[in-house]
Amino acid sequence: MRQYTQKINIFLADDDPDDRALFEQAIDGFSTNHNLTFFHNGKELMDYFNQPDAVLPDILFLDLNMPYFTGTECLIEIRKHARMRHLPIAIYSTSSSEKDQEDTFVNGANVYIKKPDSFDKLQKVLHEVITVNWQFQTSSMNKDMFFISL
């Protein structure tokens, strides 16, 4: 588990305002020092990342079903850039489709989270993902550890 003494930069790209609000409420319940930035769709996220002075997050949560660019399209584009190749990306979706899980795993996501059906489960899974030291986790990624469902 990772101990944070400085601010964790967390990005969430999700087009659903209710999901964004619930995510924020869950994150605000942690004792971590964090900065949460929202993107309302994939295009907004990619426009940000394409700025030369864009600050990268410590972790990106990416919804799959967004307008303009889907989460999978964003993931593929992000992984093309050397600067973002090792950025920890958590897919955060209502989909439990094996095809979605396979596609995002193959395209470089670090973890796949099926949006939980309760607030307590949401807090638990988000805390687990945010406190992982991704520097050590990405070198030994395997499919068995990829899908998180509570």
N, C-alpha and C. Protein backbone atom coordinates (compact mmCIF):
# COMPACT_ATOMS: atom_id res chain seq x y z
N MET A 1 0.85 -1.18 0.00
CA MET A 1 0.00 0.00 0.00
C MET A 1 0.89 1.24 0.00
N ARG A 2 0.47 2.23 -0.71
CA ARG A 2 1.27 3.44 -0.89
C ARG A 2 0.87 4.50 0.12
N GLN A 3 1.85 5.12 0.72
CA GLN A 3 1.60 6.23 1.64
C GLN A 3 1.85 7.54 0.90
N TYR A 4 0.92 8.46 0.96
CA TYR A 4 1.04 9.71 0.22
C TYR A 4 1.32 10.86 1.16
N THR A 5 2.43 11.55 0.89
CA THR A 5 2.73 12.74 1.65
C THR A 5 2.48 13.98 0.80
N GLN A 6 2.45 13.81 -0.52
CA GLN A 6 2.11 14.93 -1.39
C GLN A 6 0.80 14.63 -2.10
N LYS A 7 0.27 15.62 -2.77
CA LYS A 7 -1.03 15.46 -3.42
C LYS A 7 -1.00 14.43 -4.53
N ILE A 8 -2.03 13.60 -4.56
CA ILE A 8 -2.23 12.63 -5.64
C ILE A 8 -3.12 13.32 -6.67
N ASN A 9 -2.68 13.34 -7.91
CA ASN A 9 -3.51 13.89 -8.98
C ASN A 9 -4.32 12.77 -9.60
N ILE A 10 -5.63 12.86 -9.46
CA ILE A 10 -6.56 11.85 -9.97
C ILE A 10 -7.39 12.49 -11.06
N PHE A 11 -7.46 11.83 -12.21
CA PHE A 11 -8.32 12.29 -13.31
C PHE A 11 -9.43 11.27 -13.48
N LEU A 12 -10.64 11.78 -13.75
CA LEU A 12 -11.77 10.94 -14.11
C LEU A 12 -12.38 11.48 -15.39
N ALA A 13 -12.46 10.64 -16.41
CA ALA A 13 -13.17 10.98 -17.64
C ALA A 13 -14.45 10.16 -17.66
N ASP A 14 -15.58 10.84 -17.49
CA ASP A 14 -16.88 10.17 -17.43
C ASP A 14 -17.94 11.19 -17.82
N ASP A 15 -18.81 10.82 -18.74
CA ASP A 15 -19.82 11.76 -19.24
C ASP A 15 -21.06 11.84 -18.35
N ASP A 16 -21.19 10.97 -17.38
CA ASP A 16 -22.38 10.94 -16.53
C ASP A 16 -22.17 11.81 -15.29
N PRO A 17 -22.92 12.91 -15.16
CA PRO A 17 -22.72 13.81 -14.00
C PRO A 17 -23.00 13.13 -12.66
N ASP A 18 -23.95 12.21 -12.61
CA ASP A 18 -24.24 11.50 -11.35
C ASP A 18 -23.07 10.61 -10.96
N ASP A 19 -22.48 9.92 -11.94
CA ASP A 19 -21.31 9.07 -11.66
C ASP A 19 -20.12 9.91 -11.21
N ARG A 20 -19.94 11.08 -11.82
CA ARG A 20 -18.84 11.96 -11.41
C ARG A 20 -19.05 12.42 -9.96
N ALA A 21 -20.27 12.80 -9.62
CA ALA A 21 -20.57 13.28 -8.26
C ALA A 21 -20.36 12.17 -7.23
N LEU A 22 -20.80 10.97 -7.55
CA LEU A 22 -20.63 9.84 -6.63
C LEU A 22 -19.14 9.50 -6.46
N PHE A 23 -18.40 9.53 -7.55
CA PHE A 23 -16.96 9.29 -7.51
C PHE A 23 -16.29 10.32 -6.60
N GLU A 24 -16.62 11.57 -6.79
CA GLU A 24 -16.03 12.65 -5.98
C GLU A 24 -16.37 12.46 -4.51
N GLN A 25 -17.60 12.12 -4.21
CA GLN A 25 -18.02 11.91 -2.83
C GLN A 25 -17.24 10.75 -2.21
N ALA A 26 -17.05 9.68 -2.97
CA ALA A 26 -16.30 8.52 -2.47
C ALA A 26 -14.84 8.89 -2.21
N ILE A 27 -14.21 9.60 -3.13
CA ILE A 27 -12.81 9.99 -3.00
C ILE A 27 -12.62 10.96 -1.83
N ASP A 28 -13.56 11.88 -1.67
CA ASP A 28 -13.45 12.87 -0.59
C ASP A 28 -13.52 12.22 0.79
N GLY A 29 -14.00 10.99 0.87
CA GLY A 29 -14.06 10.28 2.14
C GLY A 29 -12.73 9.65 2.55
N PHE A 30 -11.72 9.73 1.70
CA PHE A 30 -10.41 9.15 2.00
C PHE A 30 -9.58 10.14 2.80
N SER A 31 -8.57 9.61 3.46
CA SER A 31 -7.64 10.48 4.19
C SER A 31 -6.46 10.89 3.32
N THR A 32 -6.51 10.57 2.03
CA THR A 32 -5.42 10.93 1.13
C THR A 32 -5.53 12.40 0.74
N ASN A 33 -4.40 13.01 0.51
CA ASN A 33 -4.32 14.37 0.02
C ASN A 33 -4.37 14.28 -1.50
N HIS A 34 -5.45 14.76 -2.11
CA HIS A 34 -5.63 14.55 -3.53
C HIS A 34 -6.21 15.77 -4.24
N ASN A 35 -6.01 15.76 -5.53
CA ASN A 35 -6.61 16.75 -6.41
C ASN A 35 -7.36 15.96 -7.48
N LEU A 36 -8.65 16.19 -7.60
CA LEU A 36 -9.49 15.46 -8.54
C LEU A 36 -9.89 16.37 -9.69
N THR A 37 -9.62 15.92 -10.92
CA THR A 37 -9.96 16.68 -12.11
C THR A 37 -10.90 15.85 -12.96
N PHE A 38 -12.00 16.49 -13.40
CA PHE A 38 -12.99 15.81 -14.23
C PHE A 38 -12.87 16.21 -15.69
N PHE A 39 -13.15 15.25 -16.55
CA PHE A 39 -13.31 15.48 -17.98
C PHE A 39 -14.66 14.89 -18.36
N HIS A 40 -15.45 15.64 -19.11
CA HIS A 40 -16.83 15.26 -19.38
C HIS A 40 -17.01 14.33 -20.56
N ASN A 41 -15.94 14.12 -21.32
CA ASN A 41 -15.98 13.19 -22.44
C ASN A 41 -14.55 12.90 -22.90
N GLY A 42 -14.42 11.96 -23.81
CA GLY A 42 -13.10 11.56 -24.28
C GLY A 42 -12.38 12.64 -25.06
N LYS A 43 -13.13 13.45 -25.80
CA LYS A 43 -12.50 14.52 -26.58
C LYS A 43 -11.88 15.56 -25.65
N GLU A 44 -12.60 15.92 -24.62
CA GLU A 44 -12.09 16.89 -23.64
C GLU A 44 -10.80 16.37 -23.00
N LEU A 45 -10.77 15.09 -22.65
CA LEU A 45 -9.58 14.48 -22.06
C LEU A 45 -8.42 14.51 -23.05
N MET A 46 -8.66 14.09 -24.28
CA MET A 46 -7.57 14.02 -25.26
C MET A 46 -7.09 15.42 -25.65
N ASP A 47 -8.00 16.39 -25.72
CA ASP A 47 -7.58 17.78 -25.97
C ASP A 47 -6.63 18.25 -24.88
N TYR A 48 -6.94 17.90 -23.64
CA TYR A 48 -6.06 18.27 -22.53
C TYR A 48 -4.69 17.60 -22.68
N PHE A 49 -4.68 16.29 -22.90
CA PHE A 49 -3.41 15.56 -23.01
C PHE A 49 -2.56 16.03 -24.19
N ASN A 50 -3.20 16.56 -25.22
CA ASN A 50 -2.45 17.03 -26.40
C ASN A 50 -1.83 18.41 -26.20
N GLN A 51 -2.08 19.05 -25.09
CA GLN A 51 -1.42 20.32 -24.79
C GLN A 51 0.01 20.02 -24.36
N PRO A 52 0.98 20.78 -24.87
CA PRO A 52 2.38 20.49 -24.55
C PRO A 52 2.72 20.61 -23.07
N ASP A 53 1.98 21.43 -22.32
CA ASP A 53 2.29 21.62 -20.90
C ASP A 53 1.33 20.85 -19.98
N ALA A 54 0.61 19.86 -20.53
CA ALA A 54 -0.35 19.10 -19.74
C ALA A 54 0.36 18.33 -18.62
N VAL A 55 -0.14 18.49 -17.42
CA VAL A 55 0.37 17.76 -16.26
C VAL A 55 -0.35 16.41 -16.22
N LEU A 56 0.42 15.34 -16.14
CA LEU A 56 -0.17 14.01 -16.12
C LEU A 56 -0.65 13.67 -14.71
N PRO A 57 -1.73 12.89 -14.64
CA PRO A 57 -2.22 12.48 -13.32
C PRO A 57 -1.37 11.33 -12.77
N ASP A 58 -1.55 11.05 -11.49
CA ASP A 58 -0.95 9.86 -10.90
C ASP A 58 -1.74 8.62 -11.29
N ILE A 59 -3.04 8.81 -11.54
CA ILE A 59 -3.89 7.73 -12.03
C ILE A 59 -5.06 8.34 -12.80
N LEU A 60 -5.45 7.66 -13.88
CA LEU A 60 -6.58 8.08 -14.70
C LEU A 60 -7.67 7.02 -14.62
N PHE A 61 -8.88 7.45 -14.26
CA PHE A 61 -10.05 6.58 -14.31
C PHE A 61 -10.80 6.93 -15.60
N LEU A 62 -11.11 5.93 -16.39
CA LEU A 62 -11.62 6.14 -17.73
C LEU A 62 -12.89 5.34 -17.96
N ASP A 63 -14.01 6.03 -18.16
CA ASP A 63 -15.27 5.38 -18.50
C ASP A 63 -15.17 4.90 -19.94
N LEU A 64 -15.84 3.81 -20.26
CA LEU A 64 -15.78 3.30 -21.64
C LEU A 64 -16.77 3.97 -22.57
N ASN A 65 -17.98 4.17 -22.11
CA ASN A 65 -19.06 4.65 -22.98
C ASN A 65 -19.23 6.16 -22.86
N MET A 66 -18.42 6.88 -23.65
CA MET A 66 -18.47 8.34 -23.67
C MET A 66 -18.65 8.81 -25.11
N PRO A 67 -19.23 9.99 -25.28
CA PRO A 67 -19.36 10.54 -26.63
C PRO A 67 -18.03 11.07 -27.17
N TYR A 68 -17.96 11.24 -28.45
CA TYR A 68 -16.83 11.79 -29.20
C TYR A 68 -15.68 10.80 -29.31
N PHE A 69 -15.08 10.43 -28.18
CA PHE A 69 -14.08 9.36 -28.13
C PHE A 69 -14.50 8.42 -27.02
N THR A 70 -14.56 7.14 -27.32
CA THR A 70 -14.87 6.18 -26.26
C THR A 70 -13.66 6.02 -25.35
N GLY A 71 -13.86 5.38 -24.23
CA GLY A 71 -12.75 5.11 -23.34
C GLY A 71 -11.68 4.25 -24.00
N THR A 72 -12.11 3.28 -24.79
CA THR A 72 -11.14 2.42 -25.49
C THR A 72 -10.35 3.23 -26.51
N GLU A 73 -11.00 4.11 -27.22
CA GLU A 73 -10.28 4.96 -28.18
C GLU A 73 -9.27 5.86 -27.47
N CYS A 74 -9.66 6.41 -26.33
CA CYS A 74 -8.74 7.24 -25.54
C CYS A 74 -7.55 6.40 -25.07
N LEU A 75 -7.83 5.21 -24.58
CA LEU A 75 -6.78 4.32 -24.09
C LEU A 75 -5.76 4.03 -25.19
N ILE A 76 -6.24 3.69 -26.36
CA ILE A 76 -5.35 3.38 -27.49
C ILE A 76 -4.49 4.59 -27.83
N GLU A 77 -5.11 5.76 -27.88
CA GLU A 77 -4.37 6.98 -28.22
C GLU A 77 -3.35 7.34 -27.14
N ILE A 78 -3.72 7.21 -25.89
CA ILE A 78 -2.82 7.51 -24.78
C ILE A 78 -1.59 6.62 -24.84
N ARG A 79 -1.78 5.35 -25.07
CA ARG A 79 -0.66 4.40 -25.08
C ARG A 79 0.28 4.58 -26.27
N LYS A 80 -0.12 5.35 -27.28
CA LYS A 80 0.75 5.64 -28.42
C LYS A 80 1.85 6.63 -28.05
N HIS A 81 1.63 7.42 -27.01
CA HIS A 81 2.55 8.48 -26.62
C HIS A 81 3.54 7.97 -25.58
N ALA A 82 4.82 8.08 -25.88
CA ALA A 82 5.86 7.60 -24.96
C ALA A 82 5.72 8.24 -23.58
N ARG A 83 5.35 9.50 -23.54
CA ARG A 83 5.22 10.23 -22.27
C ARG A 83 4.12 9.64 -21.38
N MET A 84 3.12 9.00 -22.00
CA MET A 84 1.99 8.48 -21.23
C MET A 84 1.94 6.96 -21.21
N ARG A 85 2.94 6.32 -21.74
CA ARG A 85 2.96 4.86 -21.86
C ARG A 85 2.81 4.16 -20.51
N HIS A 86 3.36 4.75 -19.45
CA HIS A 86 3.32 4.11 -18.14
C HIS A 86 2.31 4.74 -17.18
N LEU A 87 1.45 5.60 -17.71
CA LEU A 87 0.41 6.22 -16.90
C LEU A 87 -0.58 5.14 -16.42
N PRO A 88 -0.78 5.01 -15.12
CA PRO A 88 -1.75 4.02 -14.63
C PRO A 88 -3.17 4.41 -15.06
N ILE A 89 -3.84 3.47 -15.72
CA ILE A 89 -5.20 3.71 -16.22
C ILE A 89 -6.13 2.63 -15.68
N ALA A 90 -7.16 3.09 -14.99
CA ALA A 90 -8.20 2.21 -14.47
C ALA A 90 -9.46 2.42 -15.30
N ILE A 91 -9.90 1.38 -15.98
CA ILE A 91 -11.18 1.45 -16.69
C ILE A 91 -12.26 1.39 -15.62
N TYR A 92 -13.23 2.29 -15.72
CA TYR A 92 -14.27 2.44 -14.71
C TYR A 92 -15.60 2.47 -15.45
N SER A 93 -16.28 1.33 -15.51
CA SER A 93 -17.41 1.20 -16.41
C SER A 93 -18.55 0.37 -15.82
N THR A 94 -19.75 0.59 -16.36
CA THR A 94 -20.89 -0.25 -15.99
C THR A 94 -20.85 -1.58 -16.73
N SER A 95 -20.05 -1.67 -17.77
CA SER A 95 -19.98 -2.88 -18.59
C SER A 95 -19.22 -3.99 -17.88
N SER A 96 -19.78 -5.19 -17.93
CA SER A 96 -19.05 -6.37 -17.45
C SER A 96 -18.77 -7.30 -18.63
N SER A 97 -18.84 -6.75 -19.82
CA SER A 97 -18.60 -7.51 -21.04
C SER A 97 -17.18 -8.05 -21.10
N GLU A 98 -17.05 -9.33 -21.38
CA GLU A 98 -15.72 -9.93 -21.51
C GLU A 98 -14.96 -9.31 -22.67
N LYS A 99 -15.66 -8.91 -23.72
CA LYS A 99 -15.00 -8.27 -24.86
C LYS A 99 -14.40 -6.93 -24.44
N ASP A 100 -15.14 -6.13 -23.67
CA ASP A 100 -14.62 -4.85 -23.18
C ASP A 100 -13.40 -5.07 -22.29
N GLN A 101 -13.47 -6.06 -21.42
CA GLN A 101 -12.35 -6.36 -20.54
C GLN A 101 -11.13 -6.79 -21.36
N GLU A 102 -11.33 -7.67 -22.31
CA GLU A 102 -10.23 -8.15 -23.16
C GLU A 102 -9.63 -7.00 -23.97
N ASP A 103 -10.49 -6.20 -24.60
CA ASP A 103 -10.01 -5.08 -25.43
C ASP A 103 -9.17 -4.10 -24.61
N THR A 104 -9.64 -3.77 -23.42
CA THR A 104 -8.91 -2.78 -22.62
C THR A 104 -7.63 -3.38 -22.03
N PHE A 105 -7.65 -4.65 -21.70
CA PHE A 105 -6.44 -5.32 -21.22
C PHE A 105 -5.37 -5.33 -22.31
N VAL A 106 -5.76 -5.75 -23.50
CA VAL A 106 -4.83 -5.85 -24.64
C VAL A 106 -4.28 -4.47 -25.01
N ASN A 107 -5.09 -3.44 -24.84
CA ASN A 107 -4.68 -2.09 -25.23
C ASN A 107 -3.98 -1.32 -24.12
N GLY A 108 -3.71 -1.97 -22.99
CA GLY A 108 -2.82 -1.37 -22.02
C GLY A 108 -3.42 -0.79 -20.75
N ALA A 109 -4.69 -1.05 -20.46
CA ALA A 109 -5.24 -0.59 -19.18
C ALA A 109 -4.60 -1.41 -18.06
N ASN A 110 -4.51 -0.82 -16.89
CA ASN A 110 -3.90 -1.51 -15.75
C ASN A 110 -4.90 -2.31 -14.93
N VAL A 111 -6.14 -1.83 -14.89
CA VAL A 111 -7.16 -2.50 -14.09
C VAL A 111 -8.53 -2.15 -14.68
N TYR A 112 -9.48 -3.06 -14.52
CA TYR A 112 -10.84 -2.87 -15.00
C TYR A 112 -11.77 -2.95 -13.80
N ILE A 113 -12.49 -1.87 -13.55
CA ILE A 113 -13.41 -1.81 -12.41
C ILE A 113 -14.84 -1.75 -12.94
N LYS A 114 -15.63 -2.73 -12.58
CA LYS A 114 -17.07 -2.66 -12.85
C LYS A 114 -17.65 -1.75 -11.79
N LYS A 115 -18.35 -0.69 -12.24
CA LYS A 115 -18.90 0.27 -11.27
C LYS A 115 -19.75 -0.48 -10.25
N PRO A 116 -19.40 -0.36 -8.97
CA PRO A 116 -20.12 -1.10 -7.92
C PRO A 116 -21.55 -0.60 -7.75
N ASP A 117 -22.38 -1.45 -7.15
CA ASP A 117 -23.78 -1.13 -6.95
C ASP A 117 -24.09 -0.50 -5.59
N SER A 118 -23.05 -0.23 -4.81
CA SER A 118 -23.28 0.46 -3.53
C SER A 118 -22.13 1.43 -3.26
N PHE A 119 -22.43 2.44 -2.48
CA PHE A 119 -21.44 3.46 -2.15
C PHE A 119 -20.27 2.86 -1.37
N ASP A 120 -20.55 1.99 -0.42
CA ASP A 120 -19.49 1.38 0.38
C ASP A 120 -18.52 0.58 -0.50
N LYS A 121 -19.07 -0.17 -1.44
CA LYS A 121 -18.23 -0.94 -2.36
C LYS A 121 -17.41 0.00 -3.24
N LEU A 122 -18.03 1.09 -3.67
CA LEU A 122 -17.32 2.06 -4.50
C LEU A 122 -16.13 2.63 -3.73
N GLN A 123 -16.35 3.05 -2.50
CA GLN A 123 -15.26 3.59 -1.69
C GLN A 123 -14.14 2.56 -1.51
N LYS A 124 -14.52 1.34 -1.26
CA LYS A 124 -13.53 0.29 -1.02
C LYS A 124 -12.67 0.07 -2.26
N VAL A 125 -13.30 -0.08 -3.42
CA VAL A 125 -12.54 -0.37 -4.63
C VAL A 125 -11.70 0.84 -5.06
N LEU A 126 -12.22 2.04 -4.94
CA LEU A 126 -11.45 3.22 -5.31
C LEU A 126 -10.24 3.39 -4.38
N HIS A 127 -10.45 3.18 -3.11
CA HIS A 127 -9.34 3.29 -2.16
C HIS A 127 -8.26 2.26 -2.49
N GLU A 128 -8.68 1.05 -2.80
CA GLU A 128 -7.74 -0.01 -3.15
C GLU A 128 -6.91 0.37 -4.38
N VAL A 129 -7.56 0.89 -5.40
CA VAL A 129 -6.87 1.23 -6.64
C VAL A 129 -5.98 2.46 -6.46
N ILE A 130 -6.44 3.45 -5.75
CA ILE A 130 -5.68 4.69 -5.58
C ILE A 130 -4.44 4.49 -4.71
N THR A 131 -4.50 3.58 -3.76
CA THR A 131 -3.37 3.41 -2.85
C THR A 131 -2.35 2.38 -3.33
N VAL A 132 -2.58 1.78 -4.49
CA VAL A 132 -1.58 0.86 -5.06
C VAL A 132 -0.38 1.67 -5.53
N ASN A 133 0.81 1.14 -5.32
CA ASN A 133 2.00 1.78 -5.87
C ASN A 133 2.18 1.22 -7.28
N TRP A 134 1.67 1.94 -8.27
CA TRP A 134 1.62 1.46 -9.65
C TRP A 134 3.01 1.27 -10.24
N GLN A 135 3.99 1.96 -9.72
CA GLN A 135 5.35 1.80 -10.22
C GLN A 135 5.79 0.34 -10.15
N PHE A 136 5.36 -0.36 -9.11
CA PHE A 136 5.76 -1.76 -8.94
C PHE A 136 4.73 -2.73 -9.50
N GLN A 137 3.51 -2.29 -9.69
CA GLN A 137 2.46 -3.19 -10.15
C GLN A 137 2.45 -3.38 -11.66
N THR A 138 2.84 -2.37 -12.43
CA THR A 138 2.71 -2.46 -13.88
C THR A 138 3.67 -3.46 -14.50
N SER A 139 4.77 -3.76 -13.86
CA SER A 139 5.73 -4.68 -14.44
C SER A 139 5.25 -6.14 -14.38
N SER A 140 4.31 -6.44 -13.52
CA SER A 140 3.85 -7.82 -13.39
C SER A 140 2.35 -7.95 -13.62
N MET A 141 1.83 -7.18 -14.57
CA MET A 141 0.39 -7.22 -14.85
C MET A 141 0.01 -8.58 -15.42
N ASN A 142 -1.10 -9.10 -14.94
CA ASN A 142 -1.64 -10.31 -15.53
C ASN A 142 -3.15 -10.22 -15.52
N LYS A 143 -3.77 -10.99 -16.37
CA LYS A 143 -5.21 -10.89 -16.55
C LYS A 143 -6.00 -11.27 -15.30
N ASP A 144 -5.46 -12.16 -14.48
CA ASP A 144 -6.16 -12.57 -13.27
C ASP A 144 -6.34 -11.42 -12.28
N MET A 145 -5.41 -10.48 -12.29
CA MET A 145 -5.46 -9.34 -11.37
C MET A 145 -6.15 -8.12 -12.00
N PHE A 146 -6.56 -8.24 -13.25
CA PHE A 146 -7.04 -7.09 -14.03
C PHE A 146 -8.45 -6.65 -13.66
N PHE A 147 -9.39 -7.58 -13.51
CA PHE A 147 -10.80 -7.26 -13.30
C PHE A 147 -11.10 -7.20 -11.80
N ILE A 148 -11.65 -6.03 -11.35
CA ILE A 148 -12.04 -5.88 -9.95
C ILE A 148 -13.55 -5.75 -9.91
N SER A 149 -14.17 -6.64 -9.17
CA SER A 149 -15.62 -6.59 -9.00
C SER A 149 -15.93 -6.92 -7.55
N LEU A 150 -16.75 -6.08 -6.93
CA LEU A 150 -17.14 -6.33 -5.52
C LEU A 150 -18.60 -6.68 -5.44
